[in-house]
C-alpha atoms as a PDB file:
ATOM      1  CA  MET A   1      47.670 227.941  72.630  1.00  0.00           C
ATOM      2  CA  GLU A   2      45.637 226.838  69.319  1.00  0.00           C
ATOM      3  CA  ARG A   3      43.425 229.395  67.653  1.00  0.00           C
ATOM      4  CA  ILE A   4      40.362 228.716  66.421  1.00  0.00           C
ATOM      5  CA  LEU A   5      38.462 231.315  64.663  1.00  0.00           C
ATOM      6  CA  VAL A   6      34.679 230.918  65.630  1.00  0.00           C
ATOM      7  CA  THR A   7      32.430 232.113  62.847  1.00  0.00           C
ATOM      8  CA  GLY A   8      28.963 233.352  65.018  1.00  0.00           C
ATOM      9  CA  GLY A   9      30.825 232.936  68.179  1.00  0.00           C
ATOM     10  CA  ALA A  10      28.853 235.088  69.985  1.00  0.00           C
ATOM     11  CA  GLY A  11      25.360 232.946  68.912  1.00  0.00           C
ATOM     12  CA  PHE A  12      23.645 229.989  71.135  1.00  0.00           C
ATOM     13  CA  ILE A  13      25.802 227.027  70.588  1.00  0.00           C
ATOM     14  CA  GLY A  14      28.416 229.594  68.837  1.00  0.00           C
ATOM     15  CA  ALA A  15      28.746 231.023  72.615  1.00  0.00           C
ATOM     16  CA  HIS A  16      28.701 227.938  74.052  1.00  0.00           C
ATOM     17  CA  THR A  17      31.402 226.220  72.076  1.00  0.00           C
ATOM     18  CA  CYS A  18      33.895 229.576  72.814  1.00  0.00           C
ATOM     19  CA  LYS A  19      33.159 228.181  75.994  1.00  0.00           C
ATOM     20  CA  ALA A  20      33.573 224.192  75.436  1.00  0.00           C
ATOM     21  CA  LEU A  21      37.421 224.847  73.206  1.00  0.00           C
ATOM     22  CA  ALA A  22      38.877 227.335  75.913  1.00  0.00           C
ATOM     23  CA  ALA A  23      38.239 224.460  78.587  1.00  0.00           C
ATOM     24  CA  TYR A  24      39.934 222.310  76.598  1.00  0.00           C
ATOM     25  CA  GLY A  25      43.453 224.565  76.388  1.00  0.00           C
ATOM     26  CA  LEU A  26      42.551 225.927  72.829  1.00  0.00           C
ATOM     27  CA  HIS A  27      41.848 229.343  71.702  1.00  0.00           C
ATOM     28  CA  PRO A  28      38.727 230.319  69.874  1.00  0.00           C
ATOM     29  CA  ILE A  29      38.191 233.812  68.643  1.00  0.00           C
ATOM     30  CA  ALA A  30      34.335 234.641  67.966  1.00  0.00           C
ATOM     31  CA  PHE A  31      33.687 236.199  64.699  1.00  0.00           C
ATOM     32  CA  ASP A  32      30.352 237.866  64.296  1.00  0.00           C
ATOM     33  CA  ASN A  33      28.090 240.722  62.912  1.00  0.00           C
ATOM     34  CA  LEU A  34      25.487 240.898  66.293  1.00  0.00           C
ATOM     35  CA  SER A  35      22.859 241.074  63.568  1.00  0.00           C
ATOM     36  CA  ARG A  36      21.539 237.916  65.684  1.00  0.00           C
ATOM     37  CA  GLY A  37      24.318 237.270  68.156  1.00  0.00           C
ATOM     38  CA  HIS A  38      24.969 239.315  71.623  1.00  0.00           C
ATOM     39  CA  ARG A  39      28.439 240.424  72.617  1.00  0.00           C
ATOM     40  CA  GLU A  40      28.424 239.934  76.665  1.00  0.00           C
ATOM     41  CA  THR A  41      28.373 236.367  75.781  1.00  0.00           C
ATOM     42  CA  VAL A  42      31.982 236.332  74.618  1.00  0.00           C
ATOM     43  CA  GLN A  43      33.660 235.747  77.468  1.00  0.00           C
ATOM     44  CA  TRP A  44      36.480 232.991  76.329  1.00  0.00           C
ATOM     45  CA  GLY A  45      38.705 234.672  73.755  1.00  0.00           C
ATOM     46  CA  PRO A  46      38.963 237.950  71.642  1.00  0.00           C
ATOM     47  CA  PHE A  47      35.897 239.296  69.881  1.00  0.00           C
ATOM     48  CA  VAL A  48      35.850 240.274  65.798  1.00  0.00           C
ATOM     49  CA  GLN A  49      33.142 242.096  64.904  1.00  0.00           C
ATOM     50  CA  GLY A  50      32.589 240.912  61.348  1.00  0.00           C
ATOM     51  CA  ASP A  51      30.602 239.878  58.543  1.00  0.00           C
ATOM     52  CA  ILE A  52      31.107 236.794  56.596  1.00  0.00           C
ATOM     53  CA  LEU A  53      29.884 238.207  53.481  1.00  0.00           C
ATOM     54  CA  GLN A  54      32.835 241.076  53.704  1.00  0.00           C
ATOM     55  CA  PRO A  55      35.760 239.451  52.557  1.00  0.00           C
ATOM     56  CA  ALA A  56      37.444 242.505  54.373  1.00  0.00           C
ATOM     57  CA  ASP A  57      36.721 241.586  57.096  1.00  0.00           C
ATOM     58  CA  LEU A  58      37.148 238.389  57.310  1.00  0.00           C
ATOM     59  CA  ASP A  59      40.701 239.066  56.507  1.00  0.00           C
ATOM     60  CA  ARG A  60      41.089 241.514  59.213  1.00  0.00           C
ATOM     61  CA  ALA A  61      40.216 238.315  61.630  1.00  0.00           C
ATOM     62  CA  PHE A  62      42.797 236.023  59.809  1.00  0.00           C
ATOM     63  CA  LYS A  63      45.351 238.242  59.798  1.00  0.00           C
ATOM     64  CA  GLY A  64      44.854 239.473  63.419  1.00  0.00           C
ATOM     65  CA  TYR A  65      45.202 236.164  65.028  1.00  0.00           C
ATOM     66  CA  GLN A  66      46.277 233.550  62.604  1.00  0.00           C
ATOM     67  CA  PRO A  67      43.859 230.663  63.102  1.00  0.00           C
ATOM     68  CA  ARG A  68      44.911 227.493  61.252  1.00  0.00           C
ATOM     69  CA  SER A  69      41.197 225.991  61.723  1.00  0.00           C
ATOM     70  CA  VAL A  70      37.537 227.491  61.687  1.00  0.00           C
ATOM     71  CA  ILE A  71      34.490 226.458  62.908  1.00  0.00           C
ATOM     72  CA  HIS A  72      31.384 227.755  61.307  1.00  0.00           C
ATOM     73  CA  PHE A  73      28.264 228.619  62.816  1.00  0.00           C
ATOM     74  CA  ALA A  74      27.889 232.407  60.793  1.00  0.00           C
ATOM     75  CA  ALA A  75      24.299 231.185  59.306  1.00  0.00           C
ATOM     76  CA  LEU A  76      20.389 232.315  58.704  1.00  0.00           C
ATOM     77  CA  ALA A  77      18.644 229.525  60.990  1.00  0.00           C
ATOM     78  CA  TYR A  78      14.704 229.959  60.834  1.00  0.00           C
ATOM     79  CA  VAL A  79      12.968 227.617  58.505  1.00  0.00           C
ATOM     80  CA  GLY A  80       9.798 229.834  58.289  1.00  0.00           C
ATOM     81  CA  GLU A  81      11.989 232.742  57.650  1.00  0.00           C
ATOM     82  CA  SER A  82      13.990 231.138  54.969  1.00  0.00           C
ATOM     83  CA  VAL A  83      10.534 230.311  52.971  1.00  0.00           C
ATOM     84  CA  ALA A  84       9.672 234.168  52.559  1.00  0.00           C
ATOM     85  CA  LYS A  85      13.198 235.019  51.761  1.00  0.00           C
ATOM     86  CA  PRO A  86      15.081 232.372  50.009  1.00  0.00           C
ATOM     87  CA  LEU A  87      17.925 234.763  48.190  1.00  0.00           C
ATOM     88  CA  ALA A  88      18.758 236.160  51.556  1.00  0.00           C
ATOM     89  CA  TYR A  89      19.154 233.017  52.822  1.00  0.00           C
ATOM     90  CA  TYR A  90      21.468 231.235  49.957  1.00  0.00           C
ATOM     91  CA  GLN A  91      23.503 234.722  49.298  1.00  0.00           C
ATOM     92  CA  ASN A  92      24.084 234.558  53.497  1.00  0.00           C
ATOM     93  CA  ASN A  93      24.810 231.099  54.203  1.00  0.00           C
ATOM     94  CA  VAL A  94      26.343 229.533  50.602  1.00  0.00           C
ATOM     95  CA  SER A  95      27.821 232.963  49.530  1.00  0.00           C
ATOM     96  CA  GLY A  96      28.899 233.363  53.442  1.00  0.00           C
ATOM     97  CA  LEU A  97      30.612 229.852  53.599  1.00  0.00           C
ATOM     98  CA  ILE A  98      32.181 230.473  49.941  1.00  0.00           C
ATOM     99  CA  ASN A  99      33.859 233.632  51.294  1.00  0.00           C
ATOM    100  CA  VAL A 100      35.371 231.500  54.432  1.00  0.00           C
ATOM    101  CA  LEU A 101      36.999 229.333  52.743  1.00  0.00           C
ATOM    102  CA  ASP A 102      38.216 232.176  49.881  1.00  0.00           C
ATOM    103  CA  ALA A 103      40.108 233.175  53.172  1.00  0.00           C
ATOM    104  CA  MET A 104      41.351 230.420  54.557  1.00  0.00           C
ATOM    105  CA  ALA A 105      42.632 229.716  51.125  1.00  0.00           C
ATOM    106  CA  ARG A 106      44.517 233.188  51.378  1.00  0.00           C
ATOM    107  CA  HIS A 107      45.721 232.974  55.001  1.00  0.00           C
ATOM    108  CA  GLY A 108      46.799 229.021  54.921  1.00  0.00           C
ATOM    109  CA  ALA A 109      43.911 227.741  56.879  1.00  0.00           C
ATOM    110  CA  ASP A 110      43.106 224.080  55.839  1.00  0.00           C
ATOM    111  CA  THR A 111      40.654 222.305  58.908  1.00  0.00           C
ATOM    112  CA  ILE A 112      36.826 223.359  59.436  1.00  0.00           C
ATOM    113  CA  VAL A 113      33.904 222.070  61.351  1.00  0.00           C
ATOM    114  CA  PHE A 114      30.623 222.791  59.503  1.00  0.00           C
ATOM    115  CA  SER A 115      27.616 223.557  61.299  1.00  0.00           C
ATOM    116  CA  SER A 116      24.751 221.576  59.361  1.00  0.00           C
ATOM    117  CA  SER A 117      21.280 220.470  60.254  1.00  0.00           C
ATOM    118  CA  CYS A 118      18.964 217.573  60.138  1.00  0.00           C
ATOM    119  CA  THR A 119      16.812 219.470  57.922  1.00  0.00           C
ATOM    120  CA  VAL A 120      19.235 218.341  55.068  1.00  0.00           C
ATOM    121  CA  TYR A 121      16.874 215.351  54.900  1.00  0.00           C
ATOM    122  CA  GLY A 122      13.250 216.625  55.102  1.00  0.00           C
ATOM    123  CA  ILE A 123      10.331 214.373  55.435  1.00  0.00           C
ATOM    124  CA  PRO A 124      12.633 211.177  56.454  1.00  0.00           C
ATOM    125  CA  GLU A 125      11.719 207.713  54.981  1.00  0.00           C
ATOM    126  CA  MET A 126      12.519 206.119  57.845  1.00  0.00           C
ATOM    127  CA  LEU A 127      14.000 206.272  61.663  1.00  0.00           C
ATOM    128  CA  PRO A 128      15.721 206.535  63.260  1.00  0.00           C
ATOM    129  CA  ILE A 129      18.023 208.546  60.232  1.00  0.00           C
ATOM    130  CA  ALA A 130      21.174 207.251  59.700  1.00  0.00           C
ATOM    131  CA  GLU A 131      24.421 209.796  57.779  1.00  0.00           C
ATOM    132  CA  THR A 132      23.209 207.633  54.591  1.00  0.00           C
ATOM    133  CA  ALA A 133      19.853 208.458  54.348  1.00  0.00           C
ATOM    134  CA  ARG A 134      18.733 210.218  51.123  1.00  0.00           C
ATOM    135  CA  GLN A 135      18.921 214.416  51.009  1.00  0.00           C
ATOM    136  CA  GLN A 136      15.683 215.807  50.231  1.00  0.00           C
ATOM    137  CA  PRO A 137      15.346 219.524  52.097  1.00  0.00           C
ATOM    138  CA  ILE A 138      11.911 221.300  52.051  1.00  0.00           C
ATOM    139  CA  SER A 139      13.351 224.599  53.144  1.00  0.00           C
ATOM    140  CA  PRO A 140      14.999 227.427  51.838  1.00  0.00           C
ATOM    141  CA  TYR A 141      17.135 227.561  54.694  1.00  0.00           C
ATOM    142  CA  GLY A 142      18.010 223.171  54.599  1.00  0.00           C
ATOM    143  CA  ARG A 143      18.537 223.818  51.106  1.00  0.00           C
ATOM    144  CA  SER A 144      21.412 225.840  52.010  1.00  0.00           C
ATOM    145  CA  LYS A 145      22.384 223.597  54.078  1.00  0.00           C
ATOM    146  CA  SER A 146      22.966 221.163  51.758  1.00  0.00           C
ATOM    147  CA  MET A 147      24.678 222.953  49.431  1.00  0.00           C
ATOM    148  CA  CYS A 148      26.976 224.005  51.945  1.00  0.00           C
ATOM    149  CA  GLU A 149      27.528 220.387  52.372  1.00  0.00           C
ATOM    150  CA  GLN A 150      28.464 219.456  48.537  1.00  0.00           C
ATOM    151  CA  ILE A 151      30.350 223.025  47.964  1.00  0.00           C
ATOM    152  CA  LEU A 152      32.964 221.814  51.374  1.00  0.00           C
ATOM    153  CA  VAL A 153      33.261 217.767  50.100  1.00  0.00           C
ATOM    154  CA  HIS A 154      34.606 219.327  46.541  1.00  0.00           C
ATOM    155  CA  ALA A 155      36.854 222.349  48.277  1.00  0.00           C
ATOM    156  CA  ALA A 156      37.849 219.644  50.477  1.00  0.00           C
ATOM    157  CA  ALA A 157      38.625 217.101  47.385  1.00  0.00           C
ATOM    158  CA  ALA A 158      40.608 220.604  45.461  1.00  0.00           C
ATOM    159  CA  HIS A 159      42.413 222.079  47.975  1.00  0.00           C
ATOM    160  CA  HIS A 160      43.444 218.928  50.772  1.00  0.00           C
ATOM    161  CA  LEU A 161      41.103 220.802  53.534  1.00  0.00           C
ATOM    162  CA  ARG A 162      40.534 218.463  56.844  1.00  0.00           C
ATOM    163  CA  ILE A 163      36.750 218.888  57.339  1.00  0.00           C
ATOM    164  CA  ALA A 164      33.629 217.584  59.516  1.00  0.00           C
ATOM    165  CA  LEU A 165      30.007 218.150  58.626  1.00  0.00           C
ATOM    166  CA  LEU A 166      28.103 217.652  61.673  1.00  0.00           C
ATOM    167  CA  ARG A 167      24.206 217.832  61.610  1.00  0.00           C
ATOM    168  CA  TYR A 168      22.233 218.035  64.428  1.00  0.00           C
ATOM    169  CA  PHE A 169      18.970 217.791  65.180  1.00  0.00           C
ATOM    170  CA  ASN A 170      17.131 220.139  68.070  1.00  0.00           C
ATOM    171  CA  ALA A 171      19.404 221.910  69.755  1.00  0.00           C
ATOM    172  CA  CYS A 172      18.135 223.377  73.555  1.00  0.00           C
ATOM    173  CA  GLY A 173      19.097 223.786  77.374  1.00  0.00           C
ATOM    174  CA  ALA A 174      21.358 226.394  78.568  1.00  0.00           C
ATOM    175  CA  ASP A 175      24.996 226.779  80.426  1.00  0.00           C
ATOM    176  CA  PRO A 176      24.510 224.707  83.403  1.00  0.00           C
ATOM    177  CA  ASP A 177      26.994 226.928  84.850  1.00  0.00           C
ATOM    178  CA  GLY A 178      24.788 229.958  84.013  1.00  0.00           C
ATOM    179  CA  GLN A 179      27.190 232.090  81.831  1.00  0.00           C
ATOM    180  CA  LEU A 180      25.246 231.173  78.860  1.00  0.00           C
ATOM    181  CA  SER A 181      21.411 231.070  78.295  1.00  0.00           C
ATOM    182  CA  GLU A 182      19.326 230.891  75.050  1.00  0.00           C
ATOM    183  CA  ARG A 183      18.337 234.186  73.525  1.00  0.00           C
ATOM    184  CA  HIS A 184      16.855 234.373  69.624  1.00  0.00           C
ATOM    185  CA  ASP A 185      14.477 237.306  68.857  1.00  0.00           C
ATOM    186  CA  PRO A 186      12.741 236.423  67.746  1.00  0.00           C
ATOM    187  CA  GLU A 187      12.013 233.351  69.357  1.00  0.00           C
ATOM    188  CA  THR A 188      10.929 229.818  67.804  1.00  0.00           C
ATOM    189  CA  HIS A 189      12.313 227.185  69.792  1.00  0.00           C
ATOM    190  CA  LEU A 190       9.844 224.818  71.124  1.00  0.00           C
ATOM    191  CA  ILE A 191      11.142 224.732  75.216  1.00  0.00           C
ATOM    192  CA  PRO A 192      12.039 228.064  75.516  1.00  0.00           C
ATOM    193  CA  LEU A 193       8.069 228.992  74.807  1.00  0.00           C
ATOM    194  CA  ALA A 194       7.126 226.372  76.431  1.00  0.00           C
ATOM    195  CA  ILE A 195       8.718 227.723  79.486  1.00  0.00           C
ATOM    196  CA  ASP A 196       7.849 231.598  78.867  1.00  0.00           C
ATOM    197  CA  ALA A 197       4.404 229.967  78.668  1.00  0.00           C
ATOM    198  CA  ALA A 198       4.317 228.185  82.275  1.00  0.00           C
ATOM    199  CA  SER A 199       6.187 231.346  83.570  1.00  0.00           C
ATOM    200  CA  GLY A 200       3.315 234.006  82.424  1.00  0.00           C
ATOM    201  CA  ARG A 201       6.650 235.941  80.495  1.00  0.00           C
ATOM    202  CA  GLY A 202       5.228 235.203  76.889  1.00  0.00           C
ATOM    203  CA  PRO A 203       1.480 233.845  75.354  1.00  0.00           C
ATOM    204  CA  PRO A 204       0.185 230.312  75.005  1.00  0.00           C
ATOM    205  CA  LEU A 205       2.263 227.805  73.216  1.00  0.00           C
ATOM    206  CA  GLN A 206       0.941 226.893  70.306  1.00  0.00           C
ATOM    207  CA  ILE A 207       0.901 223.654  69.050  1.00  0.00           C
ATOM    208  CA  PHE A 208       0.611 223.095  65.438  1.00  0.00           C
ATOM    209  CA  GLY A 209      -1.030 219.764  64.309  1.00  0.00           C
ATOM    210  CA  ALA A 210      -2.620 216.892  66.785  1.00  0.00           C
ATOM    211  CA  ASP A 211      -3.441 214.606  64.074  1.00  0.00           C
ATOM    212  CA  TYR A 212       0.504 213.194  63.310  1.00  0.00           C
ATOM    213  CA  PRO A 213       0.972 209.048  64.029  1.00  0.00           C
ATOM    214  CA  THR A 214       2.681 209.007  66.681  1.00  0.00           C
ATOM    215  CA  SER A 215       2.208 208.554  70.266  1.00  0.00           C
ATOM    216  CA  ASP A 216       0.119 211.119  71.127  1.00  0.00           C
ATOM    217  CA  GLY A 217      -0.628 213.250  67.923  1.00  0.00           C
ATOM    218  CA  THR A 218       1.261 215.971  67.903  1.00  0.00           C
ATOM    219  CA  CYS A 219       5.363 215.726  66.321  1.00  0.00           C
ATOM    220  CA  GLU A 220       8.239 214.099  68.165  1.00  0.00           C
ATOM    221  CA  ARG A 221      11.548 215.391  67.984  1.00  0.00           C
ATOM    222  CA  ASP A 222      15.258 214.482  69.205  1.00  0.00           C
ATOM    223  CA  PHE A 223      16.054 217.030  71.368  1.00  0.00           C
ATOM    224  CA  ILE A 224      20.107 217.464  72.453  1.00  0.00           C
ATOM    225  CA  HIS A 225      21.295 219.347  74.838  1.00  0.00           C
ATOM    226  CA  VAL A 226      23.345 222.815  73.689  1.00  0.00           C
ATOM    227  CA  SER A 227      26.255 222.023  75.906  1.00  0.00           C
ATOM    228  CA  ASP A 228      26.860 218.321  74.679  1.00  0.00           C
ATOM    229  CA  LEU A 229      26.629 219.944  70.738  1.00  0.00           C
ATOM    230  CA  ALA A 230      29.848 222.099  72.097  1.00  0.00           C
ATOM    231  CA  ALA A 231      31.650 219.514  72.864  1.00  0.00           C
ATOM    232  CA  ALA A 232      30.657 217.409  70.455  1.00  0.00           C
ATOM    233  CA  HIS A 233      32.354 220.177  68.042  1.00  0.00           C
ATOM    234  CA  VAL A 234      35.568 220.438  70.035  1.00  0.00           C
ATOM    235  CA  ALA A 235      35.520 216.303  69.823  1.00  0.00           C
ATOM    236  CA  ALA A 236      35.377 216.702  65.735  1.00  0.00           C
ATOM    237  CA  LEU A 237      37.626 219.554  65.631  1.00  0.00           C
ATOM    238  CA  ARG A 238      40.333 217.625  67.562  1.00  0.00           C
ATOM    239  CA  HIS A 239      39.929 214.503  65.559  1.00  0.00           C
ATOM    240  CA  ILE A 240      39.897 215.571  62.218  1.00  0.00           C
ATOM    241  CA  SER A 241      43.429 217.825  63.395  1.00  0.00           C
ATOM    242  CA  ASN A 242      45.134 214.540  63.885  1.00  0.00           C
ATOM    243  CA  GLY A 243      44.467 213.627  60.559  1.00  0.00           C
ATOM    244  CA  ALA A 244      41.980 211.812  60.513  1.00  0.00           C
ATOM    245  CA  GLU A 245      39.968 211.321  57.208  1.00  0.00           C
ATOM    246  CA  GLY A 246      36.506 214.180  56.871  1.00  0.00           C
ATOM    247  CA  LEU A 247      33.647 213.320  58.661  1.00  0.00           C
ATOM    248  CA  THR A 248      29.629 213.584  58.304  1.00  0.00           C
ATOM    249  CA  LEU A 249      27.878 213.371  61.757  1.00  0.00           C
ATOM    250  CA  ASN A 250      24.311 213.422  63.323  1.00  0.00           C
ATOM    251  CA  LEU A 251      24.080 214.538  66.460  1.00  0.00           C
ATOM    252  CA  GLY A 252      21.559 213.418  68.468  1.00  0.00           C
ATOM    253  CA  THR A 253      20.279 211.346  71.241  1.00  0.00           C
ATOM    254  CA  GLY A 254      18.337 208.604  70.098  1.00  0.00           C
ATOM    255  CA  ARG A 255      15.252 209.169  71.288  1.00  0.00           C
ATOM    256  CA  ALA A 256      12.456 211.463  70.656  1.00  0.00           C
ATOM    257  CA  TYR A 257       9.443 213.378  72.735  1.00  0.00           C
ATOM    258  CA  SER A 258       6.458 214.401  71.449  1.00  0.00           C
ATOM    259  CA  ILE A 259       5.785 218.284  72.600  1.00  0.00           C
ATOM    260  CA  LEU A 260       2.860 216.986  74.840  1.00  0.00           C
ATOM    261  CA  GLU A 261       5.475 215.035  76.496  1.00  0.00           C
ATOM    262  CA  ILE A 262       8.040 218.221  76.784  1.00  0.00           C
ATOM    263  CA  VAL A 263       4.983 219.964  77.938  1.00  0.00           C
ATOM    264  CA  SER A 264       3.836 217.386  80.491  1.00  0.00           C
ATOM    265  CA  ALA A 265       7.699 217.475  82.129  1.00  0.00           C
ATOM    266  CA  ILE A 266       7.532 221.474  82.106  1.00  0.00           C
ATOM    267  CA  GLU A 267       4.685 220.985  84.516  1.00  0.00           C
ATOM    268  CA  ARG A 268       6.082 218.481  86.176  1.00  0.00           C
ATOM    269  CA  LEU A 269       9.302 220.216  86.956  1.00  0.00           C
ATOM    270  CA  THR A 270       8.198 223.345  87.902  1.00  0.00           C
ATOM    271  CA  GLY A 271       4.886 223.078  89.117  1.00  0.00           C
ATOM    272  CA  ARG A 272       3.288 225.413  86.837  1.00  0.00           C
ATOM    273  CA  GLN A 273       0.657 224.986  84.177  1.00  0.00           C
ATOM    274  CA  VAL A 274       1.898 225.231  80.526  1.00  0.00           C
ATOM    275  CA  PRO A 275      -1.206 227.267  78.803  1.00  0.00           C
ATOM    276  CA  VAL A 276      -1.228 225.833  74.873  1.00  0.00           C
ATOM    277  CA  ILE A 277      -3.679 226.245  71.676  1.00  0.00           C
ATOM    278  CA  HIS A 278      -3.598 224.170  69.645  1.00  0.00           C
ATOM    279  CA  ALA A 279      -4.340 224.883  65.800  1.00  0.00           C
ATOM    280  CA  ALA A 280      -3.172 223.637  62.364  1.00  0.00           C
ATOM    281  CA  ARG A 281      -0.280 221.735  60.843  1.00  0.00           C
ATOM    282  CA  ARG A 282       2.510 223.927  59.191  1.00  0.00           C
ATOM    283  CA  PRO A 283       2.886 222.938  55.680  1.00  0.00           C
ATOM    284  CA  GLY A 284       6.302 220.950  55.863  1.00  0.00           C
ATOM    285  CA  ASP A 285       6.576 219.257  59.255  1.00  0.00           C
ATOM    286  CA  PRO A 286       7.746 215.646  60.023  1.00  0.00           C
ATOM    287  CA  ALA A 287       5.318 213.967  61.775  1.00  0.00           C
ATOM    288  CA  ALA A 288       9.486 212.450  63.630  1.00  0.00           C
ATOM    289  CA  LEU A 289      12.579 213.578  63.456  1.00  0.00           C
ATOM    290  CA  VAL A 290      14.923 211.348  65.470  1.00  0.00           C
ATOM    291  CA  ALA A 291      18.664 210.625  64.880  1.00  0.00           C
ATOM    292  CA  ASP A 292      20.834 207.499  64.168  1.00  0.00           C
ATOM    293  CA  VAL A 293      23.576 208.514  66.888  1.00  0.00           C
ATOM    294  CA  SER A 294      26.221 205.078  66.265  1.00  0.00           C
ATOM    295  CA  LEU A 295      28.861 206.371  63.844  1.00  0.00           C
ATOM    296  CA  ALA A 296      29.093 209.569  66.345  1.00  0.00           C
ATOM    297  CA  GLU A 297      29.592 207.433  69.146  1.00  0.00           C
ATOM    298  CA  ARG A 298      31.967 204.818  67.527  1.00  0.00           C
ATOM    299  CA  VAL A 299      34.085 207.539  65.500  1.00  0.00           C
ATOM    300  CA  LEU A 300      33.918 209.898  68.473  1.00  0.00           C
ATOM    301  CA  GLU A 301      32.954 207.832  71.276  1.00  0.00           C
ATOM    302  CA  PHE A 302      30.374 210.644  71.553  1.00  0.00           C
ATOM    303  CA  ARG A 303      27.737 210.137  74.129  1.00  0.00           C
ATOM    304  CA  PRO A 304      25.259 213.226  75.390  1.00  0.00           C
ATOM    305  CA  LYS A 305      26.429 214.081  79.621  1.00  0.00           C
ATOM    306  CA  TYR A 306      23.410 216.773  79.393  1.00  0.00           C
ATOM    307  CA  SER A 307      20.424 216.059  76.969  1.00  0.00           C
ATOM    308  CA  ASP A 308      18.293 213.841  79.305  1.00  0.00           C
ATOM    309  CA  LEU A 309      15.056 216.062  79.417  1.00  0.00           C
ATOM    310  CA  GLU A 310      14.785 216.760  82.763  1.00  0.00           C
ATOM    311  CA  THR A 311      18.675 218.682  82.298  1.00  0.00           C
ATOM    312  CA  ILE A 312      17.321 220.123  79.165  1.00  0.00           C
ATOM    313  CA  ILE A 313      14.021 221.997  81.352  1.00  0.00           C
ATOM    314  CA  GLU A 314      16.393 223.044  84.264  1.00  0.00           C
ATOM    315  CA  THR A 315      18.673 224.647  82.561  1.00  0.00           C
ATOM    316  CA  THR A 316      16.754 226.374  80.075  1.00  0.00           C
ATOM    317  CA  TRP A 317      14.171 227.606  82.988  1.00  0.00           C
ATOM    318  CA  ARG A 318      17.062 228.189  85.215  1.00  0.00           C
ATOM    319  CA  SER A 319      18.144 230.911  82.364  1.00  0.00           C
ATOM    320  CA  ARG A 320      15.550 232.107  81.440  1.00  0.00           C
ATOM    321  CA  THR A 321      13.589 233.077  84.875  1.00  0.00           C
END
């Protein structure tokens, strides 16, 4: 079985992707320092505890399993935290990627799928957002992802790497089979926060801003189920492994929902009220983010299976109650 090193493989999207890789007949090796991942989510292959900031840890994983391909999730990924701790974000996300690429060169790996983000676009100039849109990130997190993309493009040209850069929008939901869930500490994602508020496990949901130029005044976002993201990573890996040109793709649904639409759907599907508190806008929050997904549909034949709002909410609810 072909071995794939999955950095951040004990995290939310990483663990779901390990499951998808195994279902396709590939052999994922989860590499994670467990600072934000969870050991018990590694269920579909071996686990290597290590840190991308430690080249010796990466060498140990490459020597032990000899993967030819890497799916790189390991990163710090909180926008607000990145503003408070920019140096940590640049060190981990940018220096960590360089360490991964150096290790790949030392051990003969030549294929990498990179977990990027729609934050590279910043506040969009038009919607939906196409891959050709100008990158103008407004947070250290978004800037770090943009820098990593540039590093990968240059490394691919110099070292003949096959690369896929996947910019995804709002990851959400949980494994439909109930084997995995969304577990962030602290939790910052809208849907689990709203569900926790509805179930009484968490405080009322804070809604930041109700005066945006949207249908109901609250922010609108493109939500994509984590199992669909995982499937897209497998499809991208297969595509570039077969000798195709490098990819830069948006991963979303092409449909945005407002915060109040999410709240209303949760109340309708669960029969529980979501208590809310209205607060001022957060600096830098775009009014709306929605992906142009036509390129992913054309190149990968990617069409989300689980990203309807009902499935997203139902799988998240089951995983948290």
